Amino acid sequence: MNWVYLLSPALDRRFLAAADAATRAVIDEHGEYLDGLRERGTLVLAGRCWDGPYGIVILEAPDREAAEALMAGDPSVVAGIQRAELFEFDIPYPPVTAGGR
C-alpha cells in the first residue's frame, strides 16, 4: 500500500534562510532519514514546495500502523520542526522510468 504524509511547514527558501544551526542539523537528519527509506525501498517519492505550504513524502508500507511509525520516526517530526498528516495514497500515474513509459 502507498501512503503520503504531508509535512508543514515546508522547508522552503524562507524557512531555510531563517533556520539556526540546530534546526539545520535536524533538517540534515531529515534528509538522511529519507535517504535511508529510499535505500530500503520504502520511499517512493519525496519533495517540497519551494513557495508553498507542504513537504510531501510518499511511502510503501503494509498498513497504517507501519506508515505511522515511519512518519513518526522522521527527525523533523520528532523535533517538532514539522507537523505531519498521513493519508492512504493511490498512484494511478506512477513515474515514468528511464527506458519507457
PDB file of N, CA and C in Angstrom:
ATOM      1  N   MET A   1       0.844  -1.184   0.000  1.00  0.00           N
ATOM      2  CA  MET A   1       0.000   0.000   0.000  1.00  0.00           C
ATOM      3  C   MET A   1       0.883   1.239   0.000  1.00  0.00           C
ATOM      4  N   ASN A   2       0.350   2.282  -0.592  1.00  0.00           N
ATOM      5  CA  ASN A   2       1.061   3.557  -0.608  1.00  0.00           C
ATOM      6  C   ASN A   2       0.411   4.523   0.369  1.00  0.00           C
ATOM      7  N   TRP A   3       1.257   5.343   0.942  1.00  0.00           N
ATOM      8  CA  TRP A   3       0.842   6.336   1.923  1.00  0.00           C
ATOM      9  C   TRP A   3       1.552   7.635   1.620  1.00  0.00           C
ATOM     10  N   VAL A   4       0.906   8.744   1.898  1.00  0.00           N
ATOM     11  CA  VAL A   4       1.553  10.040   1.768  1.00  0.00           C
ATOM     12  C   VAL A   4       1.468  10.730   3.124  1.00  0.00           C
ATOM     13  N   TYR A   5       2.583  11.318   3.528  1.00  0.00           N
ATOM     14  CA  TYR A   5       2.478  12.219   4.663  1.00  0.00           C
ATOM     15  C   TYR A   5       2.891  13.609   4.231  1.00  0.00           C
ATOM     16  N   LEU A   6       2.019  14.531   4.603  1.00  0.00           N
ATOM     17  CA  LEU A   6       2.220  15.938   4.284  1.00  0.00           C
ATOM     18  C   LEU A   6       2.879  16.591   5.482  1.00  0.00           C
ATOM     19  N   LEU A   7       3.970  17.283   5.224  1.00  0.00           N
ATOM     20  CA  LEU A   7       4.722  17.966   6.271  1.00  0.00           C
ATOM     21  C   LEU A   7       4.506  19.459   6.155  1.00  0.00           C
ATOM     22  N   SER A   8       4.251  20.094   7.275  1.00  0.00           N
ATOM     23  CA  SER A   8       4.151  21.551   7.259  1.00  0.00           C
ATOM     24  C   SER A   8       4.824  22.111   8.508  1.00  0.00           C
ATOM     25  N   PRO A   9       5.460  23.228   8.410  1.00  0.00           N
ATOM     26  CA  PRO A   9       5.626  23.990   7.179  1.00  0.00           C
ATOM     27  C   PRO A   9       6.615  23.290   6.245  1.00  0.00           C
ATOM     28  N   ALA A  10       6.552  23.678   4.981  1.00  0.00           N
ATOM     29  CA  ALA A  10       7.539  23.178   4.029  1.00  0.00           C
ATOM     30  C   ALA A  10       8.901  23.739   4.416  1.00  0.00           C
ATOM     31  N   LEU A  11       9.941  23.000   4.152  1.00  0.00           N
ATOM     32  CA  LEU A  11      11.295  23.514   4.372  1.00  0.00           C
ATOM     33  C   LEU A  11      11.669  24.319   3.133  1.00  0.00           C
ATOM     34  N   ASP A  12      10.945  25.430   2.958  1.00  0.00           N
ATOM     35  CA  ASP A  12      11.100  26.251   1.752  1.00  0.00           C
ATOM     36  C   ASP A  12      12.230  27.260   1.922  1.00  0.00           C
ATOM     37  N   ARG A  13      12.424  28.087   0.931  1.00  0.00           N
ATOM     38  CA  ARG A  13      13.528  29.052   0.955  1.00  0.00           C
ATOM     39  C   ARG A  13      13.475  29.961   2.171  1.00  0.00           C
ATOM     40  N   ARG A  14      12.294  30.462   2.497  1.00  0.00           N
ATOM     41  CA  ARG A  14      12.151  31.369   3.638  1.00  0.00           C
ATOM     42  C   ARG A  14      12.486  30.653   4.940  1.00  0.00           C
ATOM     43  N   PHE A  15      11.978  29.422   5.093  1.00  0.00           N
ATOM     44  CA  PHE A  15      12.246  28.640   6.293  1.00  0.00           C
ATOM     45  C   PHE A  15      13.746  28.388   6.440  1.00  0.00           C
ATOM     46  N   LEU A  16      14.383  27.954   5.351  1.00  0.00           N
ATOM     47  CA  LEU A  16      15.808  27.644   5.401  1.00  0.00           C
ATOM     48  C   LEU A  16      16.649  28.878   5.694  1.00  0.00           C
ATOM     49  N   ALA A  17      16.259  30.036   5.153  1.00  0.00           N
ATOM     50  CA  ALA A  17      17.009  31.261   5.389  1.00  0.00           C
ATOM     51  C   ALA A  17      16.967  31.672   6.859  1.00  0.00           C
ATOM     52  N   ALA A  18      15.878  31.343   7.542  1.00  0.00           N
ATOM     53  CA  ALA A  18      15.726  31.731   8.944  1.00  0.00           C
ATOM     54  C   ALA A  18      16.206  30.659   9.923  1.00  0.00           C
ATOM     55  N   ALA A  19      16.576  29.493   9.433  1.00  0.00           N
ATOM     56  CA  ALA A  19      16.927  28.367  10.307  1.00  0.00           C
ATOM     57  C   ALA A  19      18.262  28.595  11.013  1.00  0.00           C
ATOM     58  N   ASP A  20      18.269  28.300  12.316  1.00  0.00           N
ATOM     59  CA  ASP A  20      19.518  28.366  13.071  1.00  0.00           C
ATOM     60  C   ASP A  20      20.289  27.053  12.903  1.00  0.00           C
ATOM     61  N   ALA A  21      21.448  26.964  13.516  1.00  0.00           N
ATOM     62  CA  ALA A  21      22.312  25.790  13.338  1.00  0.00           C
ATOM     63  C   ALA A  21      21.640  24.511  13.837  1.00  0.00           C
ATOM     64  N   ALA A  22      20.945  24.569  14.949  1.00  0.00           N
ATOM     65  CA  ALA A  22      20.279  23.374  15.488  1.00  0.00           C
ATOM     66  C   ALA A  22      19.175  22.894  14.543  1.00  0.00           C
ATOM     67  N   THR A  23      18.422  23.831  13.999  1.00  0.00           N
ATOM     68  CA  THR A  23      17.359  23.477  13.053  1.00  0.00           C
ATOM     69  C   THR A  23      17.949  22.891  11.784  1.00  0.00           C
ATOM     70  N   ARG A  24      19.038  23.480  11.310  1.00  0.00           N
ATOM     71  CA  ARG A  24      19.695  22.954  10.108  1.00  0.00           C
ATOM     72  C   ARG A  24      20.208  21.527  10.338  1.00  0.00           C
ATOM     73  N   ALA A  25      20.676  21.242  11.540  1.00  0.00           N
ATOM     74  CA  ALA A  25      21.142  19.887  11.857  1.00  0.00           C
ATOM     75  C   ALA A  25      19.977  18.898  11.766  1.00  0.00           C
ATOM     76  N   VAL A  26      18.812  19.292  12.254  1.00  0.00           N
ATOM     77  CA  VAL A  26      17.634  18.418  12.172  1.00  0.00           C
ATOM     78  C   VAL A  26      17.217  18.246  10.712  1.00  0.00           C
ATOM     79  N   ILE A  27      17.298  19.305   9.938  1.00  0.00           N
ATOM     80  CA  ILE A  27      16.956  19.222   8.516  1.00  0.00           C
ATOM     81  C   ILE A  27      17.900  18.228   7.816  1.00  0.00           C
ATOM     82  N   ASP A  28      19.177  18.267   8.170  1.00  0.00           N
ATOM     83  CA  ASP A  28      20.121  17.303   7.603  1.00  0.00           C
ATOM     84  C   ASP A  28      19.741  15.875   8.009  1.00  0.00           C
ATOM     85  N   GLU A  29      19.354  15.684   9.267  1.00  0.00           N
ATOM     86  CA  GLU A  29      18.923  14.362   9.741  1.00  0.00           C
ATOM     87  C   GLU A  29      17.674  13.899   8.985  1.00  0.00           C
ATOM     88  N   HIS A  30      16.768  14.828   8.722  1.00  0.00           N
ATOM     89  CA  HIS A  30      15.557  14.529   7.950  1.00  0.00           C
ATOM     90  C   HIS A  30      15.941  13.989   6.566  1.00  0.00           C
ATOM     91  N   GLY A  31      16.886  14.658   5.905  1.00  0.00           N
ATOM     92  CA  GLY A  31      17.345  14.202   4.594  1.00  0.00           C
ATOM     93  C   GLY A  31      18.004  12.830   4.667  1.00  0.00           C
ATOM     94  N   GLU A  32      18.801  12.601   5.692  1.00  0.00           N
ATOM     95  CA  GLU A  32      19.441  11.300   5.867  1.00  0.00           C
ATOM     96  C   GLU A  32      18.394  10.212   6.130  1.00  0.00           C
ATOM     97  N   TYR A  33      17.357  10.556   6.877  1.00  0.00           N
ATOM     98  CA  TYR A  33      16.279   9.607   7.149  1.00  0.00           C
ATOM     99  C   TYR A  33      15.583   9.203   5.847  1.00  0.00           C
ATOM    100  N   LEU A  34      15.279  10.199   5.019  1.00  0.00           N
ATOM    101  CA  LEU A  34      14.643   9.909   3.732  1.00  0.00           C
ATOM    102  C   LEU A  34      15.566   9.090   2.835  1.00  0.00           C
ATOM    103  N   ASP A  35      16.864   9.398   2.852  1.00  0.00           N
ATOM    104  CA  ASP A  35      17.824   8.592   2.090  1.00  0.00           C
ATOM    105  C   ASP A  35      17.786   7.137   2.546  1.00  0.00           C
ATOM    106  N   GLY A  36      17.703   6.922   3.857  1.00  0.00           N
ATOM    107  CA  GLY A  36      17.632   5.571   4.397  1.00  0.00           C
ATOM    108  C   GLY A  36      16.367   4.844   3.956  1.00  0.00           C
ATOM    109  N   LEU A  37      15.248   5.559   3.950  1.00  0.00           N
ATOM    110  CA  LEU A  37      13.999   4.952   3.476  1.00  0.00           C
ATOM    111  C   LEU A  37      14.117   4.568   2.001  1.00  0.00           C
ATOM    112  N   ARG A  38      14.765   5.422   1.226  1.00  0.00           N
ATOM    113  CA  ARG A  38      14.944   5.132  -0.200  1.00  0.00           C
ATOM    114  C   ARG A  38      15.822   3.899  -0.383  1.00  0.00           C
ATOM    115  N   GLU A  39      16.903   3.808   0.389  1.00  0.00           N
ATOM    116  CA  GLU A  39      17.798   2.651   0.286  1.00  0.00           C
ATOM    117  C   GLU A  39      17.082   1.355   0.649  1.00  0.00           C
ATOM    118  N   ARG A  40      16.137   1.422   1.579  1.00  0.00           N
ATOM    119  CA  ARG A  40      15.375   0.235   1.993  1.00  0.00           C
ATOM    120  C   ARG A  40      14.242  -0.095   1.024  1.00  0.00           C
ATOM    121  N   GLY A  41      13.991   0.791   0.062  1.00  0.00           N
ATOM    122  CA  GLY A  41      12.919   0.556  -0.896  1.00  0.00           C
ATOM    123  C   GLY A  41      11.551   0.975  -0.389  1.00  0.00           C
ATOM    124  N   THR A  42      11.518   1.734   0.679  1.00  0.00           N
ATOM    125  CA  THR A  42      10.257   2.171   1.285  1.00  0.00           C
ATOM    126  C   THR A  42       9.787   3.512   0.728  1.00  0.00           C
ATOM    127  N   LEU A  43      10.717   4.371   0.380  1.00  0.00           N
ATOM    128  CA  LEU A  43      10.382   5.701  -0.124  1.00  0.00           C
ATOM    129  C   LEU A  43      10.071   5.635  -1.610  1.00  0.00           C
ATOM    130  N   VAL A  44       8.904   6.129  -1.991  1.00  0.00           N
ATOM    131  CA  VAL A  44       8.513   6.213  -3.396  1.00  0.00           C
ATOM    132  C   VAL A  44       8.957   7.548  -3.966  1.00  0.00           C
ATOM    133  N   LEU A  45       8.707   8.625  -3.222  1.00  0.00           N
ATOM    134  CA  LEU A  45       8.972   9.976  -3.708  1.00  0.00           C
ATOM    135  C   LEU A  45       8.940  10.927  -2.524  1.00  0.00           C
ATOM    136  N   ALA A  46       9.753  11.946  -2.560  1.00  0.00           N
ATOM    137  CA  ALA A  46       9.697  12.997  -1.542  1.00  0.00           C
ATOM    138  C   ALA A  46      10.103  14.315  -2.189  1.00  0.00           C
ATOM    139  N   GLY A  47       9.524  15.385  -1.700  1.00  0.00           N
ATOM    140  CA  GLY A  47       9.861  16.704  -2.216  1.00  0.00           C
ATOM    141  C   GLY A  47       9.192  17.787  -1.391  1.00  0.00           C
ATOM    142  N   ARG A  48       9.405  19.013  -1.804  1.00  0.00           N
ATOM    143  CA  ARG A  48       8.836  20.144  -1.071  1.00  0.00           C
ATOM    144  C   ARG A  48       8.368  21.212  -2.028  1.00  0.00           C
ATOM    145  N   CYS A  49       7.459  21.998  -1.551  1.00  0.00           N
ATOM    146  CA  CYS A  49       7.050  23.199  -2.273  1.00  0.00           C
ATOM    147  C   CYS A  49       8.058  24.288  -1.909  1.00  0.00           C
ATOM    148  N   TRP A  50       8.667  24.907  -2.913  1.00  0.00           N
ATOM    149  CA  TRP A  50       9.625  25.981  -2.607  1.00  0.00           C
ATOM    150  C   TRP A  50       8.924  27.238  -2.139  1.00  0.00           C
ATOM    151  N   ASP A  51       7.683  27.412  -2.532  1.00  0.00           N
ATOM    152  CA  ASP A  51       6.962  28.617  -2.127  1.00  0.00           C
ATOM    153  C   ASP A  51       5.559  28.282  -1.650  1.00  0.00           C
ATOM    154  N   GLY A  52       5.385  27.105  -1.121  1.00  0.00           N
ATOM    155  CA  GLY A  52       4.062  26.672  -0.679  1.00  0.00           C
ATOM    156  C   GLY A  52       4.106  26.057   0.698  1.00  0.00           C
ATOM    157  N   PRO A  53       3.004  25.454   1.098  1.00  0.00           N
ATOM    158  CA  PRO A  53       2.860  25.053   2.491  1.00  0.00           C
ATOM    159  C   PRO A  53       3.354  23.669   2.870  1.00  0.00           C
ATOM    160  N   TYR A  54       3.709  22.803   1.911  1.00  0.00           N
ATOM    161  CA  TYR A  54       3.931  21.402   2.266  1.00  0.00           C
ATOM    162  C   TYR A  54       5.233  20.817   1.761  1.00  0.00           C
ATOM    163  N   GLY A  55       5.718  19.857   2.535  1.00  0.00           N
ATOM    164  CA  GLY A  55       6.652  18.850   2.067  1.00  0.00           C
ATOM    165  C   GLY A  55       5.828  17.588   1.883  1.00  0.00           C
ATOM    166  N   ILE A  56       6.210  16.733   0.961  1.00  0.00           N
ATOM    167  CA  ILE A  56       5.426  15.545   0.639  1.00  0.00           C
ATOM    168  C   ILE A  56       6.345  14.329   0.648  1.00  0.00           C
ATOM    169  N   VAL A  57       5.937  13.299   1.374  1.00  0.00           N
ATOM    170  CA  VAL A  57       6.680  12.042   1.410  1.00  0.00           C
ATOM    171  C   VAL A  57       5.697  10.929   1.056  1.00  0.00           C
ATOM    172  N   ILE A  58       6.007  10.163   0.013  1.00  0.00           N
ATOM    173  CA  ILE A  58       5.170   9.033  -0.388  1.00  0.00           C
ATOM    174  C   ILE A  58       5.935   7.759  -0.068  1.00  0.00           C
ATOM    175  N   LEU A  59       5.272   6.872   0.658  1.00  0.00           N
ATOM    176  CA  LEU A  59       5.882   5.644   1.156  1.00  0.00           C
ATOM    177  C   LEU A  59       5.135   4.414   0.691  1.00  0.00           C
ATOM    178  N   GLU A  60       5.819   3.296   0.738  1.00  0.00           N
ATOM    179  CA  GLU A  60       5.173   1.990   0.647  1.00  0.00           C
ATOM    180  C   GLU A  60       5.258   1.380   2.037  1.00  0.00           C
ATOM    181  N   ALA A  61       4.115   0.948   2.559  1.00  0.00           N
ATOM    182  CA  ALA A  61       4.059   0.294   3.868  1.00  0.00           C
ATOM    183  C   ALA A  61       2.879  -0.662   3.850  1.00  0.00           C
ATOM    184  N   PRO A  62       2.971  -1.759   4.584  1.00  0.00           N
ATOM    185  CA  PRO A  62       1.914  -2.765   4.514  1.00  0.00           C
ATOM    186  C   PRO A  62       0.584  -2.329   5.129  1.00  0.00           C
ATOM    187  N   ASP A  63       0.639  -1.385   6.077  1.00  0.00           N
ATOM    188  CA  ASP A  63      -0.596  -0.953   6.738  1.00  0.00           C
ATOM    189  C   ASP A  63      -0.380   0.413   7.377  1.00  0.00           C
ATOM    190  N   ARG A  64      -1.465   0.974   7.898  1.00  0.00           N
ATOM    191  CA  ARG A  64      -1.412   2.310   8.504  1.00  0.00           C
ATOM    192  C   ARG A  64      -0.439   2.358   9.677  1.00  0.00           C
ATOM    193  N   GLU A  65      -0.445   1.328  10.490  1.00  0.00           N
ATOM    194  CA  GLU A  65       0.431   1.318  11.668  1.00  0.00           C
ATOM    195  C   GLU A  65       1.901   1.441  11.255  1.00  0.00           C
ATOM    196  N   ALA A  66       2.302   0.699  10.237  1.00  0.00           N
ATOM    197  CA  ALA A  66       3.683   0.760   9.760  1.00  0.00           C
ATOM    198  C   ALA A  66       3.992   2.135   9.163  1.00  0.00           C
ATOM    199  N   ALA A  67       3.062   2.680   8.408  1.00  0.00           N
ATOM    200  CA  ALA A  67       3.262   4.007   7.813  1.00  0.00           C
ATOM    201  C   ALA A  67       3.344   5.077   8.892  1.00  0.00           C
ATOM    202  N   GLU A  68       2.493   4.969   9.908  1.00  0.00           N
ATOM    203  CA  GLU A  68       2.542   5.930  11.014  1.00  0.00           C
ATOM    204  C   GLU A  68       3.875   5.864  11.741  1.00  0.00           C
ATOM    205  N   ALA A  69       4.401   4.662  11.916  1.00  0.00           N
ATOM    206  CA  ALA A  69       5.694   4.514  12.586  1.00  0.00           C
ATOM    207  C   ALA A  69       6.806   5.177  11.773  1.00  0.00           C
ATOM    208  N   LEU A  70       6.769   5.001  10.457  1.00  0.00           N
ATOM    209  CA  LEU A  70       7.769   5.642   9.604  1.00  0.00           C
ATOM    210  C   LEU A  70       7.657   7.155   9.685  1.00  0.00           C
ATOM    211  N   MET A  71       6.437   7.665   9.617  1.00  0.00           N
ATOM    212  CA  MET A  71       6.219   9.104   9.704  1.00  0.00           C
ATOM    213  C   MET A  71       6.683   9.638  11.057  1.00  0.00           C
ATOM    214  N   ALA A  72       6.326   8.944  12.129  1.00  0.00           N
ATOM    215  CA  ALA A  72       6.666   9.384  13.484  1.00  0.00           C
ATOM    216  C   ALA A  72       8.171   9.347  13.737  1.00  0.00           C
ATOM    217  N   GLY A  73       8.904   8.536  12.961  1.00  0.00           N
ATOM    218  CA  GLY A  73      10.346   8.458  13.126  1.00  0.00           C
ATOM    219  C   GLY A  73      11.121   9.508  12.362  1.00  0.00           C
ATOM    220  N   ASP A  74      10.437  10.301  11.558  1.00  0.00           N
ATOM    221  CA  ASP A  74      11.104  11.351  10.779  1.00  0.00           C
ATOM    222  C   ASP A  74      11.667  12.387  11.754  1.00  0.00           C
ATOM    223  N   PRO A  75      12.970  12.660  11.705  1.00  0.00           N
ATOM    224  CA  PRO A  75      13.579  13.588  12.658  1.00  0.00           C
ATOM    225  C   PRO A  75      12.944  14.973  12.702  1.00  0.00           C
ATOM    226  N   SER A  76      12.435  15.469  11.589  1.00  0.00           N
ATOM    227  CA  SER A  76      11.814  16.800  11.616  1.00  0.00           C
ATOM    228  C   SER A  76      10.493  16.768  12.377  1.00  0.00           C
ATOM    229  N   VAL A  77       9.831  15.608  12.384  1.00  0.00           N
ATOM    230  CA  VAL A  77       8.592  15.436  13.147  1.00  0.00           C
ATOM    231  C   VAL A  77       8.932  15.231  14.622  1.00  0.00           C
ATOM    232  N   VAL A  78       9.925  14.385  14.889  1.00  0.00           N
ATOM    233  CA  VAL A  78      10.351  14.121  16.269  1.00  0.00           C
ATOM    234  C   VAL A  78      10.744  15.425  16.968  1.00  0.00           C
ATOM    235  N   ALA A  79      11.479  16.278  16.244  1.00  0.00           N
ATOM    236  CA  ALA A  79      11.960  17.532  16.820  1.00  0.00           C
ATOM    237  C   ALA A  79      10.887  18.612  16.887  1.00  0.00           C
ATOM    238  N   GLY A  80       9.734  18.373  16.269  1.00  0.00           N
ATOM    239  CA  GLY A  80       8.669  19.369  16.275  1.00  0.00           C
ATOM    240  C   GLY A  80       8.872  20.499  15.285  1.00  0.00           C
ATOM    241  N   ILE A  81       9.812  20.349  14.377  1.00  0.00           N
ATOM    242  CA  ILE A  81      10.036  21.375  13.355  1.00  0.00           C
ATOM    243  C   ILE A  81       8.913  21.343  12.324  1.00  0.00           C
ATOM    244  N   GLN A  82       8.425  20.139  12.028  1.00  0.00           N
ATOM    245  CA  GLN A  82       7.326  19.981  11.088  1.00  0.00           C
ATOM    246  C   GLN A  82       6.214  19.142  11.723  1.00  0.00           C
ATOM    247  N   ARG A  83       4.990  19.439  11.338  1.00  0.00           N
ATOM    248  CA  ARG A  83       3.826  18.622  11.698  1.00  0.00           C
ATOM    249  C   ARG A  83       3.546  17.715  10.506  1.00  0.00           C
ATOM    250  N   ALA A  84       3.005  16.534  10.774  1.00  0.00           N
ATOM    251  CA  ALA A  84       2.756  15.584   9.692  1.00  0.00           C
ATOM    252  C   ALA A  84       1.343  15.033   9.773  1.00  0.00           C
ATOM    253  N   GLU A  85       0.749  14.852   8.593  1.00  0.00           N
ATOM    254  CA  GLU A  85      -0.560  14.209   8.461  1.00  0.00           C
ATOM    255  C   GLU A  85      -0.414  13.065   7.476  1.00  0.00           C
ATOM    256  N   LEU A  86      -0.988  11.914   7.807  1.00  0.00           N
ATOM    257  CA  LEU A  86      -0.855  10.718   6.996  1.00  0.00           C
ATOM    258  C   LEU A  86      -2.160  10.389   6.288  1.00  0.00           C
ATOM    259  N   PHE A  87      -2.047   9.980   5.018  1.00  0.00           N
ATOM    260  CA  PHE A  87      -3.205   9.594   4.225  1.00  0.00           C
ATOM    261  C   PHE A  87      -2.845   8.384   3.369  1.00  0.00           C
ATOM    262  N   GLU A  88      -3.798   7.457   3.218  1.00  0.00           N
ATOM    263  CA  GLU A  88      -3.607   6.394   2.236  1.00  0.00           C
ATOM    264  C   GLU A  88      -3.576   7.071   0.864  1.00  0.00           C
ATOM    265  N   PHE A  89      -2.733   6.569  -0.026  1.00  0.00           N
ATOM    266  CA  PHE A  89      -2.476   7.286  -1.262  1.00  0.00           C
ATOM    267  C   PHE A  89      -2.485   6.326  -2.447  1.00  0.00           C
ATOM    268  N   ASP A  90      -3.205   6.677  -3.479  1.00  0.00           N
ATOM    269  CA  ASP A  90      -3.288   5.894  -4.704  1.00  0.00           C
ATOM    270  C   ASP A  90      -2.392   6.548  -5.751  1.00  0.00           C
ATOM    271  N   ILE A  91      -1.670   5.735  -6.503  1.00  0.00           N
ATOM    272  CA  ILE A  91      -0.797   6.260  -7.557  1.00  0.00           C
ATOM    273  C   ILE A  91      -1.256   5.688  -8.896  1.00  0.00           C
ATOM    274  N   PRO A  92      -2.304   6.268  -9.499  1.00  0.00           N
ATOM    275  CA  PRO A  92      -2.769   5.757 -10.788  1.00  0.00           C
ATOM    276  C   PRO A  92      -1.815   6.112 -11.931  1.00  0.00           C
ATOM    277  N   TYR A  93      -0.964   7.106 -11.736  1.00  0.00           N
ATOM    278  CA  TYR A  93       0.002   7.522 -12.746  1.00  0.00           C
ATOM    279  C   TYR A  93       1.393   7.501 -12.147  1.00  0.00           C
ATOM    280  N   PRO A  94       2.029   6.326 -12.087  1.00  0.00           N
ATOM    281  CA  PRO A  94       3.362   6.242 -11.493  1.00  0.00           C
ATOM    282  C   PRO A  94       4.391   6.978 -12.350  1.00  0.00           C
ATOM    283  N   PRO A  95       5.540   7.296 -11.742  1.00  0.00           N
ATOM    284  CA  PRO A  95       6.594   7.964 -12.520  1.00  0.00           C
ATOM    285  C   PRO A  95       7.023   7.102 -13.706  1.00  0.00           C
ATOM    286  N   VAL A  96       7.394   7.766 -14.762  1.00  0.00           N
ATOM    287  CA  VAL A  96       7.918   7.076 -15.940  1.00  0.00           C
ATOM    288  C   VAL A  96       9.358   6.695 -15.624  1.00  0.00           C
ATOM    289  N   THR A  97       9.728   5.468 -15.874  1.00  0.00           N
ATOM    290  CA  THR A  97      11.096   5.029 -15.632  1.00  0.00           C
ATOM    291  C   THR A  97      11.964   5.350 -16.822  1.00  0.00           C
ATOM    292  N   ALA A  98      13.280   5.320 -16.595  1.00  0.00           N
ATOM    293  CA  ALA A  98      14.209   5.652 -17.689  1.00  0.00           C
ATOM    294  C   ALA A  98      14.147   4.631 -18.783  1.00  0.00           C
ATOM    295  N   GLY A  99      13.656   4.220 -19.527  1.00  0.00           N
ATOM    296  CA  GLY A  99      13.659   3.284 -20.618  1.00  0.00           C
ATOM    297  C   GLY A  99      12.282   3.087 -21.177  1.00  0.00           C
ATOM    298  N   GLY A 100      11.308   3.791 -20.712  1.00  0.00           N
ATOM    299  CA  GLY A 100       9.997   3.555 -21.279  1.00  0.00           C
ATOM    300  C   GLY A 100       8.907   4.272 -20.535  1.00  0.00           C
ATOM    301  N   ARG A 101       7.718   3.990 -20.978  1.00  0.00           N
ATOM    302  CA  ARG A 101       6.538   4.636 -20.366  1.00  0.00           C
ATOM    303  C   ARG A 101       5.646   3.613 -19.765  1.00  0.00           C
TER     304      ARG A 101
END
